[in-house]
Amino acid sequence: MRELVEVIVKALVDDPESVVVTEKEEGRTTVVEVHVADSDMGKVIGKQGRIAKAIRAVVKAAASKEDRKVVVDIAD
């Protein structure tokens, strides 16, 4: 899932080199943390969180194929 989130986020930001995506396994749940430059935070979140919701929806659909739960956390 980390690779999927990384590809999506890097396509959205102006500074793809600053994107850092980490993945933590917690039982059947995977937590994917996304760190971007402060100037790109708005592009990843979007107006009223629409982009962030869309990223989470795509990841959730991919995770359901593997019968897993994935949480995407956009960290400041």
C-alpha atoms as a PDB file:
ATOM      1  CA  MET A   1       0.000   0.000   0.000  1.00  0.00           C
ATOM      2  CA  ARG A   2       2.920   2.323   0.662  1.00  0.00           C
ATOM      3  CA  GLU A   3       3.899   2.334  -2.999  1.00  0.00           C
ATOM      4  CA  LEU A   4       0.346   3.147  -4.114  1.00  0.00           C
ATOM      5  CA  VAL A   5       0.073   6.116  -1.750  1.00  0.00           C
ATOM      6  CA  GLU A   6       3.545   7.326  -2.711  1.00  0.00           C
ATOM      7  CA  VAL A   7       2.743   7.328  -6.443  1.00  0.00           C
ATOM      8  CA  ILE A   8      -0.538   9.190  -5.913  1.00  0.00           C
ATOM      9  CA  VAL A   9       0.928  11.831  -3.586  1.00  0.00           C
ATOM     10  CA  LYS A  10       4.049  12.457  -5.678  1.00  0.00           C
ATOM     11  CA  ALA A  11       1.814  13.141  -8.691  1.00  0.00           C
ATOM     12  CA  LEU A  12      -0.058  15.826  -6.738  1.00  0.00           C
ATOM     13  CA  VAL A  13       2.766  17.865  -5.203  1.00  0.00           C
ATOM     14  CA  ASP A  14       5.216  20.427  -6.595  1.00  0.00           C
ATOM     15  CA  ASP A  15       8.168  18.952  -4.677  1.00  0.00           C
ATOM     16  CA  PRO A  16       8.000  15.143  -5.042  1.00  0.00           C
ATOM     17  CA  GLU A  17      11.473  14.752  -3.502  1.00  0.00           C
ATOM     18  CA  SER A  18      10.125  15.882  -0.122  1.00  0.00           C
ATOM     19  CA  VAL A  19       7.421  13.192   0.008  1.00  0.00           C
ATOM     20  CA  VAL A  20       8.063  10.549   2.668  1.00  0.00           C
ATOM     21  CA  VAL A  21       5.644   7.646   3.075  1.00  0.00           C
ATOM     22  CA  THR A  22       6.028   5.154   5.917  1.00  0.00           C
ATOM     23  CA  GLU A  23       4.043   2.027   6.669  1.00  0.00           C
ATOM     24  CA  LYS A  24       3.396   0.398  10.055  1.00  0.00           C
ATOM     25  CA  GLU A  25       1.713  -2.965  10.553  1.00  0.00           C
ATOM     26  CA  GLU A  26      -0.616  -3.233  13.539  1.00  0.00           C
ATOM     27  CA  GLY A  27      -2.279  -6.635  13.391  1.00  0.00           C
ATOM     28  CA  ARG A  28      -4.657  -6.692  10.424  1.00  0.00           C
ATOM     29  CA  THR A  29      -4.470  -2.908  10.148  1.00  0.00           C
ATOM     30  CA  THR A  30      -1.791  -1.033   8.236  1.00  0.00           C
ATOM     31  CA  VAL A  31      -1.110   2.623   9.019  1.00  0.00           C
ATOM     32  CA  VAL A  32       0.377   4.596   6.121  1.00  0.00           C
ATOM     33  CA  GLU A  33       1.839   7.957   7.161  1.00  0.00           C
ATOM     34  CA  VAL A  34       2.402  10.652   4.543  1.00  0.00           C
ATOM     35  CA  HIS A  35       4.797  13.555   5.129  1.00  0.00           C
ATOM     36  CA  VAL A  36       4.999  16.364   2.548  1.00  0.00           C
ATOM     37  CA  ALA A  37       6.488  19.861   2.431  1.00  0.00           C
ATOM     38  CA  ASP A  38       4.394  22.524   4.168  1.00  0.00           C
ATOM     39  CA  SER A  39       3.818  24.267   0.841  1.00  0.00           C
ATOM     40  CA  ASP A  40       2.300  21.074  -0.628  1.00  0.00           C
ATOM     41  CA  MET A  41       0.046  20.208   2.314  1.00  0.00           C
ATOM     42  CA  GLY A  42      -2.958  21.986   0.786  1.00  0.00           C
ATOM     43  CA  LYS A  43      -2.567  20.100  -2.487  1.00  0.00           C
ATOM     44  CA  VAL A  44      -2.626  16.742  -0.722  1.00  0.00           C
ATOM     45  CA  ILE A  45      -5.578  17.606   1.522  1.00  0.00           C
ATOM     46  CA  GLY A  46      -7.618  19.598  -1.008  1.00  0.00           C
ATOM     47  CA  LYS A  47     -10.624  21.826  -0.423  1.00  0.00           C
ATOM     48  CA  GLN A  48     -12.653  20.475   2.491  1.00  0.00           C
ATOM     49  CA  GLY A  49     -10.433  17.380   2.464  1.00  0.00           C
ATOM     50  CA  ARG A  50     -11.694  16.093  -0.871  1.00  0.00           C
ATOM     51  CA  ILE A  51      -8.289  14.970  -2.185  1.00  0.00           C
ATOM     52  CA  ALA A  52      -7.437  13.257   1.115  1.00  0.00           C
ATOM     53  CA  LYS A  53     -10.807  11.454   1.065  1.00  0.00           C
ATOM     54  CA  ALA A  54     -10.212  10.341  -2.521  1.00  0.00           C
ATOM     55  CA  ILE A  55      -6.750   8.984  -1.656  1.00  0.00           C
ATOM     56  CA  ARG A  56      -8.235   7.091   1.294  1.00  0.00           C
ATOM     57  CA  ALA A  57     -11.034   5.683  -0.897  1.00  0.00           C
ATOM     58  CA  VAL A  58      -8.590   4.361  -3.511  1.00  0.00           C
ATOM     59  CA  VAL A  59      -6.378   2.802  -0.842  1.00  0.00           C
ATOM     60  CA  LYS A  60      -9.401   1.293   0.915  1.00  0.00           C
ATOM     61  CA  ALA A  61     -10.549  -0.313  -2.342  1.00  0.00           C
ATOM     62  CA  ALA A  62      -7.090  -1.766  -2.973  1.00  0.00           C
ATOM     63  CA  ALA A  63      -6.848  -3.017   0.613  1.00  0.00           C
ATOM     64  CA  SER A  64     -10.242  -4.719   0.466  1.00  0.00           C
ATOM     65  CA  LYS A  65      -8.896  -7.019  -2.249  1.00  0.00           C
ATOM     66  CA  GLU A  66      -6.321  -8.242   0.276  1.00  0.00           C
ATOM     67  CA  ASP A  67      -8.905  -8.386   3.106  1.00  0.00           C
ATOM     68  CA  ARG A  68      -6.986  -5.772   5.110  1.00  0.00           C
ATOM     69  CA  LYS A  69      -7.738  -2.425   6.703  1.00  0.00           C
ATOM     70  CA  VAL A  70      -5.505   0.511   5.797  1.00  0.00           C
ATOM     71  CA  VAL A  71      -5.486   3.894   7.513  1.00  0.00           C
ATOM     72  CA  VAL A  72      -3.895   6.809   5.632  1.00  0.00           C
ATOM     73  CA  ASP A  73      -2.570   9.513   7.956  1.00  0.00           C
ATOM     74  CA  ILE A  74      -1.425  12.810   6.444  1.00  0.00           C
ATOM     75  CA  ALA A  75       1.018  14.162   9.027  1.00  0.00           C
ATOM     76  CA  ASP A  76       2.136  17.760   9.333  1.00  0.00           C
END
